[in-house]
Amino acid sequence: MPFVITSSKSSLDHNDMEGKSTKEVAFILDLSIKTVETHRSNVMRKLGIHSVSELVLYAVRNNIVQVQIGPTASH
């Protein structure tokens, strides 16, 4: 899911965050889990989105994240 970080960390490619859990994103960005959750909540509020699934759909529809179709290399 996309995350908006308005600090020096904003130079990170959002693709690095795709498919990561809140805990993983917090670790990568050296932030608390609560801070990452707050950023996501603020983005959702500003967009008028009420669930994470709506946020994902918004990101896909607006080409913020890419959907990979077909088999994935999970091994």
PDB file of N, CA and C in Angstrom:
ATOM      1  N   MET A   1       0.846  -1.167   0.000  1.00  0.00           N
ATOM      2  CA  MET A   1       0.000   0.000   0.000  1.00  0.00           C
ATOM      3  C   MET A   1       0.885   1.220   0.000  1.00  0.00           C
ATOM      4  N   PRO A   2       0.367   2.325  -0.667  1.00  0.00           N
ATOM      5  CA  PRO A   2       1.180   3.485  -0.748  1.00  0.00           C
ATOM      6  C   PRO A   2       1.259   4.241   0.544  1.00  0.00           C
ATOM      7  N   PHE A   3       2.440   4.852   0.848  1.00  0.00           N
ATOM      8  CA  PHE A   3       2.606   5.671   2.028  1.00  0.00           C
ATOM      9  C   PHE A   3       3.183   7.012   1.632  1.00  0.00           C
ATOM     10  N   VAL A   4       2.645   8.089   2.217  1.00  0.00           N
ATOM     11  CA  VAL A   4       3.152   9.421   1.957  1.00  0.00           C
ATOM     12  C   VAL A   4       3.938   9.863   3.176  1.00  0.00           C
ATOM     13  N   ILE A   5       5.215  10.082   2.993  1.00  0.00           N
ATOM     14  CA  ILE A   5       6.079  10.522   4.079  1.00  0.00           C
ATOM     15  C   ILE A   5       6.616  11.900   3.703  1.00  0.00           C
ATOM     16  N   THR A   6       6.352  12.890   4.527  1.00  0.00           N
ATOM     17  CA  THR A   6       6.761  14.254   4.203  1.00  0.00           C
ATOM     18  C   THR A   6       8.003  14.639   4.996  1.00  0.00           C
ATOM     19  N   SER A   7       9.061  13.874   4.827  1.00  0.00           N
ATOM     20  CA  SER A   7      10.328  14.164   5.476  1.00  0.00           C
ATOM     21  C   SER A   7      11.441  13.823   4.504  1.00  0.00           C
ATOM     22  N   SER A   8      12.645  13.761   5.009  1.00  0.00           N
ATOM     23  CA  SER A   8      13.770  13.411   4.150  1.00  0.00           C
ATOM     24  C   SER A   8      13.611  12.006   3.578  1.00  0.00           C
ATOM     25  N   LYS A   9      12.773  11.187   4.200  1.00  0.00           N
ATOM     26  CA  LYS A   9      12.544   9.833   3.721  1.00  0.00           C
ATOM     27  C   LYS A   9      11.688   9.806   2.464  1.00  0.00           C
ATOM     28  N   SER A  10      11.145  10.935   2.056  1.00  0.00           N
ATOM     29  CA  SER A  10      10.267  10.970   0.894  1.00  0.00           C
ATOM     30  C   SER A  10      10.998  10.635  -0.392  1.00  0.00           C
ATOM     31  N   SER A  11      12.331  10.624  -0.369  1.00  0.00           N
ATOM     32  CA  SER A  11      13.080  10.297  -1.577  1.00  0.00           C
ATOM     33  C   SER A  11      13.055   8.799  -1.871  1.00  0.00           C
ATOM     34  N   LEU A  12      12.584   7.994  -0.924  1.00  0.00           N
ATOM     35  CA  LEU A  12      12.483   6.555  -1.171  1.00  0.00           C
ATOM     36  C   LEU A  12      11.433   6.272  -2.224  1.00  0.00           C
ATOM     37  N   ASP A  13      11.705   5.308  -3.060  1.00  0.00           N
ATOM     38  CA  ASP A  13      10.765   4.897  -4.091  1.00  0.00           C
ATOM     39  C   ASP A  13       9.596   4.167  -3.437  1.00  0.00           C
ATOM     40  N   HIS A  14       8.361   4.607  -3.721  1.00  0.00           N
ATOM     41  CA  HIS A  14       7.198   3.962  -3.111  1.00  0.00           C
ATOM     42  C   HIS A  14       7.110   2.492  -3.497  1.00  0.00           C
ATOM     43  N   ASN A  15       7.750   2.104  -4.604  1.00  0.00           N
ATOM     44  CA  ASN A  15       7.739   0.696  -5.003  1.00  0.00           C
ATOM     45  C   ASN A  15       8.443  -0.174  -3.968  1.00  0.00           C
ATOM     46  N   ASP A  16       9.366   0.413  -3.220  1.00  0.00           N
ATOM     47  CA  ASP A  16      10.047  -0.333  -2.162  1.00  0.00           C
ATOM     48  C   ASP A  16       9.077  -0.739  -1.064  1.00  0.00           C
ATOM     49  N   MET A  17       7.941  -0.051  -0.960  1.00  0.00           N
ATOM     50  CA  MET A  17       6.985  -0.295   0.104  1.00  0.00           C
ATOM     51  C   MET A  17       5.842  -1.216  -0.331  1.00  0.00           C
ATOM     52  N   GLU A  18       5.706  -1.465  -1.620  1.00  0.00           N
ATOM     53  CA  GLU A  18       4.596  -2.290  -2.101  1.00  0.00           C
ATOM     54  C   GLU A  18       4.669  -3.686  -1.510  1.00  0.00           C
ATOM     55  N   GLY A  19       3.544  -4.148  -1.016  1.00  0.00           N
ATOM     56  CA  GLY A  19       3.442  -5.499  -0.478  1.00  0.00           C
ATOM     57  C   GLY A  19       3.978  -5.645   0.934  1.00  0.00           C
ATOM     58  N   LYS A  20       4.432  -4.566   1.521  1.00  0.00           N
ATOM     59  CA  LYS A  20       4.989  -4.624   2.867  1.00  0.00           C
ATOM     60  C   LYS A  20       3.909  -4.357   3.909  1.00  0.00           C
ATOM     61  N   SER A  21       4.056  -4.981   5.056  1.00  0.00           N
ATOM     62  CA  SER A  21       3.145  -4.731   6.174  1.00  0.00           C
ATOM     63  C   SER A  21       3.495  -3.394   6.822  1.00  0.00           C
ATOM     64  N   THR A  22       2.596  -2.910   7.652  1.00  0.00           N
ATOM     65  CA  THR A  22       2.855  -1.671   8.377  1.00  0.00           C
ATOM     66  C   THR A  22       4.127  -1.796   9.200  1.00  0.00           C
ATOM     67  N   LYS A  23       4.305  -2.928   9.837  1.00  0.00           N
ATOM     68  CA  LYS A  23       5.491  -3.158  10.658  1.00  0.00           C
ATOM     69  C   LYS A  23       6.766  -3.115   9.819  1.00  0.00           C
ATOM     70  N   GLU A  24       6.720  -3.733   8.630  1.00  0.00           N
ATOM     71  CA  GLU A  24       7.890  -3.741   7.741  1.00  0.00           C
ATOM     72  C   GLU A  24       8.215  -2.334   7.247  1.00  0.00           C
ATOM     73  N   VAL A  25       7.188  -1.565   6.868  1.00  0.00           N
ATOM     74  CA  VAL A  25       7.393  -0.192   6.403  1.00  0.00           C
ATOM     75  C   VAL A  25       8.000   0.649   7.525  1.00  0.00           C
ATOM     76  N   ALA A  26       7.487   0.497   8.725  1.00  0.00           N
ATOM     77  CA  ALA A  26       8.007   1.233   9.876  1.00  0.00           C
ATOM     78  C   ALA A  26       9.484   0.914  10.088  1.00  0.00           C
ATOM     79  N   PHE A  27       9.832  -0.350   9.986  1.00  0.00           N
ATOM     80  CA  PHE A  27      11.226  -0.763  10.165  1.00  0.00           C
ATOM     81  C   PHE A  27      12.112  -0.158   9.075  1.00  0.00           C
ATOM     82  N   ILE A  28      11.690  -0.262   7.808  1.00  0.00           N
ATOM     83  CA  ILE A  28      12.466   0.261   6.681  1.00  0.00           C
ATOM     84  C   ILE A  28      12.688   1.763   6.815  1.00  0.00           C
ATOM     85  N   LEU A  29      11.646   2.483   7.221  1.00  0.00           N
ATOM     86  CA  LEU A  29      11.730   3.946   7.323  1.00  0.00           C
ATOM     87  C   LEU A  29      12.237   4.429   8.677  1.00  0.00           C
ATOM     88  N   ASP A  30      12.512   3.486   9.568  1.00  0.00           N
ATOM     89  CA  ASP A  30      12.959   3.813  10.922  1.00  0.00           C
ATOM     90  C   ASP A  30      11.959   4.725  11.631  1.00  0.00           C
ATOM     91  N   LEU A  31      10.688   4.328  11.546  1.00  0.00           N
ATOM     92  CA  LEU A  31       9.594   5.045  12.193  1.00  0.00           C
ATOM     93  C   LEU A  31       8.857   4.073  13.105  1.00  0.00           C
ATOM     94  N   SER A  32       8.050   4.608  14.001  1.00  0.00           N
ATOM     95  CA  SER A  32       7.221   3.729  14.822  1.00  0.00           C
ATOM     96  C   SER A  32       6.038   3.244  13.977  1.00  0.00           C
ATOM     97  N   ILE A  33       5.488   2.127  14.369  1.00  0.00           N
ATOM     98  CA  ILE A  33       4.307   1.589  13.686  1.00  0.00           C
ATOM     99  C   ILE A  33       3.175   2.602  13.765  1.00  0.00           C
ATOM    100  N   LYS A  34       3.024   3.232  14.918  1.00  0.00           N
ATOM    101  CA  LYS A  34       1.969   4.235  15.111  1.00  0.00           C
ATOM    102  C   LYS A  34       2.130   5.405  14.134  1.00  0.00           C
ATOM    103  N   THR A  35       3.357   5.835  13.879  1.00  0.00           N
ATOM    104  CA  THR A  35       3.601   6.934  12.936  1.00  0.00           C
ATOM    105  C   THR A  35       3.174   6.533  11.531  1.00  0.00           C
ATOM    106  N   VAL A  36       3.516   5.331  11.107  1.00  0.00           N
ATOM    107  CA  VAL A  36       3.123   4.850   9.775  1.00  0.00           C
ATOM    108  C   VAL A  36       1.602   4.757   9.692  1.00  0.00           C
ATOM    109  N   GLU A  37       0.961   4.227  10.734  1.00  0.00           N
ATOM    110  CA  GLU A  37      -0.499   4.137  10.755  1.00  0.00           C
ATOM    111  C   GLU A  37      -1.134   5.522  10.695  1.00  0.00           C
ATOM    112  N   THR A  38      -0.532   6.486  11.378  1.00  0.00           N
ATOM    113  CA  THR A  38      -1.053   7.858  11.367  1.00  0.00           C
ATOM    114  C   THR A  38      -0.940   8.474   9.985  1.00  0.00           C
ATOM    115  N   HIS A  39       0.189   8.262   9.313  1.00  0.00           N
ATOM    116  CA  HIS A  39       0.348   8.773   7.943  1.00  0.00           C
ATOM    117  C   HIS A  39      -0.718   8.182   7.023  1.00  0.00           C
ATOM    118  N   ARG A  40      -0.913   6.864   7.123  1.00  0.00           N
ATOM    119  CA  ARG A  40      -1.916   6.204   6.285  1.00  0.00           C
ATOM    120  C   ARG A  40      -3.309   6.753   6.592  1.00  0.00           C
ATOM    121  N   SER A  41      -3.615   6.906   7.861  1.00  0.00           N
ATOM    122  CA  SER A  41      -4.913   7.432   8.266  1.00  0.00           C
ATOM    123  C   SER A  41      -5.139   8.845   7.732  1.00  0.00           C
ATOM    124  N   ASN A  42      -4.115   9.682   7.799  1.00  0.00           N
ATOM    125  CA  ASN A  42      -4.222  11.053   7.281  1.00  0.00           C
ATOM    126  C   ASN A  42      -4.463  11.070   5.777  1.00  0.00           C
ATOM    127  N   VAL A  43      -3.763  10.210   5.045  1.00  0.00           N
ATOM    128  CA  VAL A  43      -3.967  10.115   3.591  1.00  0.00           C
ATOM    129  C   VAL A  43      -5.396   9.676   3.306  1.00  0.00           C
ATOM    130  N   MET A  44      -5.861   8.674   4.016  1.00  0.00           N
ATOM    131  CA  MET A  44      -7.216   8.159   3.805  1.00  0.00           C
ATOM    132  C   MET A  44      -8.255   9.238   4.107  1.00  0.00           C
ATOM    133  N   ARG A  45      -8.050   9.980   5.191  1.00  0.00           N
ATOM    134  CA  ARG A  45      -8.993  11.054   5.545  1.00  0.00           C
ATOM    135  C   ARG A  45      -9.030  12.113   4.455  1.00  0.00           C
ATOM    136  N   LYS A  46      -7.874  12.528   3.970  1.00  0.00           N
ATOM    137  CA  LYS A  46      -7.801  13.564   2.933  1.00  0.00           C
ATOM    138  C   LYS A  46      -8.435  13.114   1.614  1.00  0.00           C
ATOM    139  N   LEU A  47      -8.379  11.810   1.345  1.00  0.00           N
ATOM    140  CA  LEU A  47      -8.965  11.272   0.117  1.00  0.00           C
ATOM    141  C   LEU A  47     -10.427  10.866   0.294  1.00  0.00           C
ATOM    142  N   GLY A  48     -10.932  10.905   1.516  1.00  0.00           N
ATOM    143  CA  GLY A  48     -12.304  10.483   1.779  1.00  0.00           C
ATOM    144  C   GLY A  48     -12.477   8.984   1.651  1.00  0.00           C
ATOM    145  N   ILE A  49     -11.417   8.241   1.985  1.00  0.00           N
ATOM    146  CA  ILE A  49     -11.419   6.783   1.891  1.00  0.00           C
ATOM    147  C   ILE A  49     -11.578   6.215   3.296  1.00  0.00           C
ATOM    148  N   HIS A  50     -12.389   5.151   3.410  1.00  0.00           N
ATOM    149  CA  HIS A  50     -12.751   4.638   4.734  1.00  0.00           C
ATOM    150  C   HIS A  50     -12.215   3.253   5.063  1.00  0.00           C
ATOM    151  N   SER A  51     -11.515   2.617   4.138  1.00  0.00           N
ATOM    152  CA  SER A  51     -10.946   1.299   4.428  1.00  0.00           C
ATOM    153  C   SER A  51      -9.652   1.120   3.646  1.00  0.00           C
ATOM    154  N   VAL A  52      -8.814   0.214   4.123  1.00  0.00           N
ATOM    155  CA  VAL A  52      -7.557  -0.061   3.446  1.00  0.00           C
ATOM    156  C   VAL A  52      -7.816  -0.633   2.054  1.00  0.00           C
ATOM    157  N   SER A  53      -8.872  -1.434   1.906  1.00  0.00           N
ATOM    158  CA  SER A  53      -9.176  -1.983   0.578  1.00  0.00           C
ATOM    159  C   SER A  53      -9.545  -0.872  -0.406  1.00  0.00           C
ATOM    160  N   GLU A  54     -10.258   0.146   0.056  1.00  0.00           N
ATOM    161  CA  GLU A  54     -10.555   1.298  -0.807  1.00  0.00           C
ATOM    162  C   GLU A  54      -9.267   2.045  -1.163  1.00  0.00           C
ATOM    163  N   LEU A  55      -8.347   2.131  -0.217  1.00  0.00           N
ATOM    164  CA  LEU A  55      -7.071   2.803  -0.453  1.00  0.00           C
ATOM    165  C   LEU A  55      -6.261   2.056  -1.509  1.00  0.00           C
ATOM    166  N   VAL A  56      -6.246   0.743  -1.430  1.00  0.00           N
ATOM    167  CA  VAL A  56      -5.550  -0.071  -2.423  1.00  0.00           C
ATOM    168  C   VAL A  56      -6.174   0.123  -3.797  1.00  0.00           C
ATOM    169  N   LEU A  57      -7.496   0.093  -3.857  1.00  0.00           N
ATOM    170  CA  LEU A  57      -8.193   0.297  -5.121  1.00  0.00           C
ATOM    171  C   LEU A  57      -7.871   1.670  -5.697  1.00  0.00           C
ATOM    172  N   TYR A  58      -7.844   2.694  -4.867  1.00  0.00           N
ATOM    173  CA  TYR A  58      -7.482   4.045  -5.299  1.00  0.00           C
ATOM    174  C   TYR A  58      -6.076   4.045  -5.896  1.00  0.00           C
ATOM    175  N   ALA A  59      -5.146   3.386  -5.209  1.00  0.00           N
ATOM    176  CA  ALA A  59      -3.753   3.348  -5.673  1.00  0.00           C
ATOM    177  C   ALA A  59      -3.638   2.643  -7.020  1.00  0.00           C
ATOM    178  N   VAL A  60      -4.370   1.563  -7.209  1.00  0.00           N
ATOM    179  CA  VAL A  60      -4.337   0.833  -8.484  1.00  0.00           C
ATOM    180  C   VAL A  60      -4.952   1.679  -9.590  1.00  0.00           C
ATOM    181  N   ARG A  61      -6.114   2.250  -9.333  1.00  0.00           N
ATOM    182  CA  ARG A  61      -6.809   3.055 -10.350  1.00  0.00           C
ATOM    183  C   ARG A  61      -6.021   4.291 -10.767  1.00  0.00           C
ATOM    184  N   ASN A  62      -5.205   4.814  -9.867  1.00  0.00           N
ATOM    185  CA  ASN A  62      -4.437   6.023 -10.153  1.00  0.00           C
ATOM    186  C   ASN A  62      -2.972   5.730 -10.480  1.00  0.00           C
ATOM    187  N   ASN A  63      -2.695   4.471 -10.804  1.00  0.00           N
ATOM    188  CA  ASN A  63      -1.350   4.036 -11.208  1.00  0.00           C
ATOM    189  C   ASN A  63      -0.267   4.386 -10.191  1.00  0.00           C
ATOM    190  N   ILE A  64      -0.632   4.340  -8.923  1.00  0.00           N
ATOM    191  CA  ILE A  64       0.343   4.566  -7.859  1.00  0.00           C
ATOM    192  C   ILE A  64       1.093   3.269  -7.580  1.00  0.00           C
ATOM    193  N   VAL A  65       0.383   2.157  -7.708  1.00  0.00           N
ATOM    194  CA  VAL A  65       0.993   0.832  -7.596  1.00  0.00           C
ATOM    195  C   VAL A  65       0.600   0.032  -8.829  1.00  0.00           C
ATOM    196  N   GLN A  66       1.426  -0.941  -9.148  1.00  0.00           N
ATOM    197  CA  GLN A  66       1.171  -1.807 -10.290  1.00  0.00           C
ATOM    198  C   GLN A  66       0.660  -3.155  -9.781  1.00  0.00           C
ATOM    199  N   VAL A  67      -0.283  -3.729 -10.515  1.00  0.00           N
ATOM    200  CA  VAL A  67      -0.810  -5.038 -10.173  1.00  0.00           C
ATOM    201  C   VAL A  67      -0.117  -6.052 -11.067  1.00  0.00           C
ATOM    202  N   GLN A  68       0.489  -7.049 -10.437  1.00  0.00           N
ATOM    203  CA  GLN A  68       1.163  -8.100 -11.193  1.00  0.00           C
ATOM    204  C   GLN A  68       0.175  -9.231 -11.405  1.00  0.00           C
ATOM    205  N   ILE A  69      -0.069  -9.562 -12.662  1.00  0.00           N
ATOM    206  CA  ILE A  69      -1.015 -10.613 -12.992  1.00  0.00           C
ATOM    207  C   ILE A  69      -0.232 -11.844 -13.432  1.00  0.00           C
ATOM    208  N   GLY A  70      -0.662 -12.986 -12.938  1.00  0.00           N
ATOM    209  CA  GLY A  70       0.006 -14.227 -13.288  1.00  0.00           C
ATOM    210  C   GLY A  70       0.787 -14.768 -12.119  1.00  0.00           C
ATOM    211  N   PRO A  71       1.523 -15.860 -12.366  1.00  0.00           N
ATOM    212  CA  PRO A  71       2.271 -16.487 -11.275  1.00  0.00           C
ATOM    213  C   PRO A  71       3.376 -15.564 -10.770  1.00  0.00           C
ATOM    214  N   THR A  72       3.600 -15.626  -9.452  1.00  0.00           N
ATOM    215  CA  THR A  72       4.661 -14.835  -8.850  1.00  0.00           C
ATOM    216  C   THR A  72       5.758 -15.767  -8.378  1.00  0.00           C
ATOM    217  N   ALA A  73       6.940 -15.253  -8.288  1.00  0.00           N
ATOM    218  CA  ALA A  73       8.075 -16.044  -7.821  1.00  0.00           C
ATOM    219  C   ALA A  73       8.111 -15.986  -6.296  1.00  0.00           C
ATOM    220  N   SER A  74       7.448 -16.923  -5.643  1.00  0.00           N
ATOM    221  CA  SER A  74       7.392 -16.903  -4.186  1.00  0.00           C
ATOM    222  C   SER A  74       8.342 -17.916  -3.561  1.00  0.00           C
ATOM    223  N   HIS A  75       9.109 -18.607  -4.353  1.00  0.00           N
ATOM    224  CA  HIS A  75      10.013 -19.619  -3.794  1.00  0.00           C
ATOM    225  C   HIS A  75      11.341 -18.998  -3.502  1.00  0.00           C
TER     226      HIS A  75
END
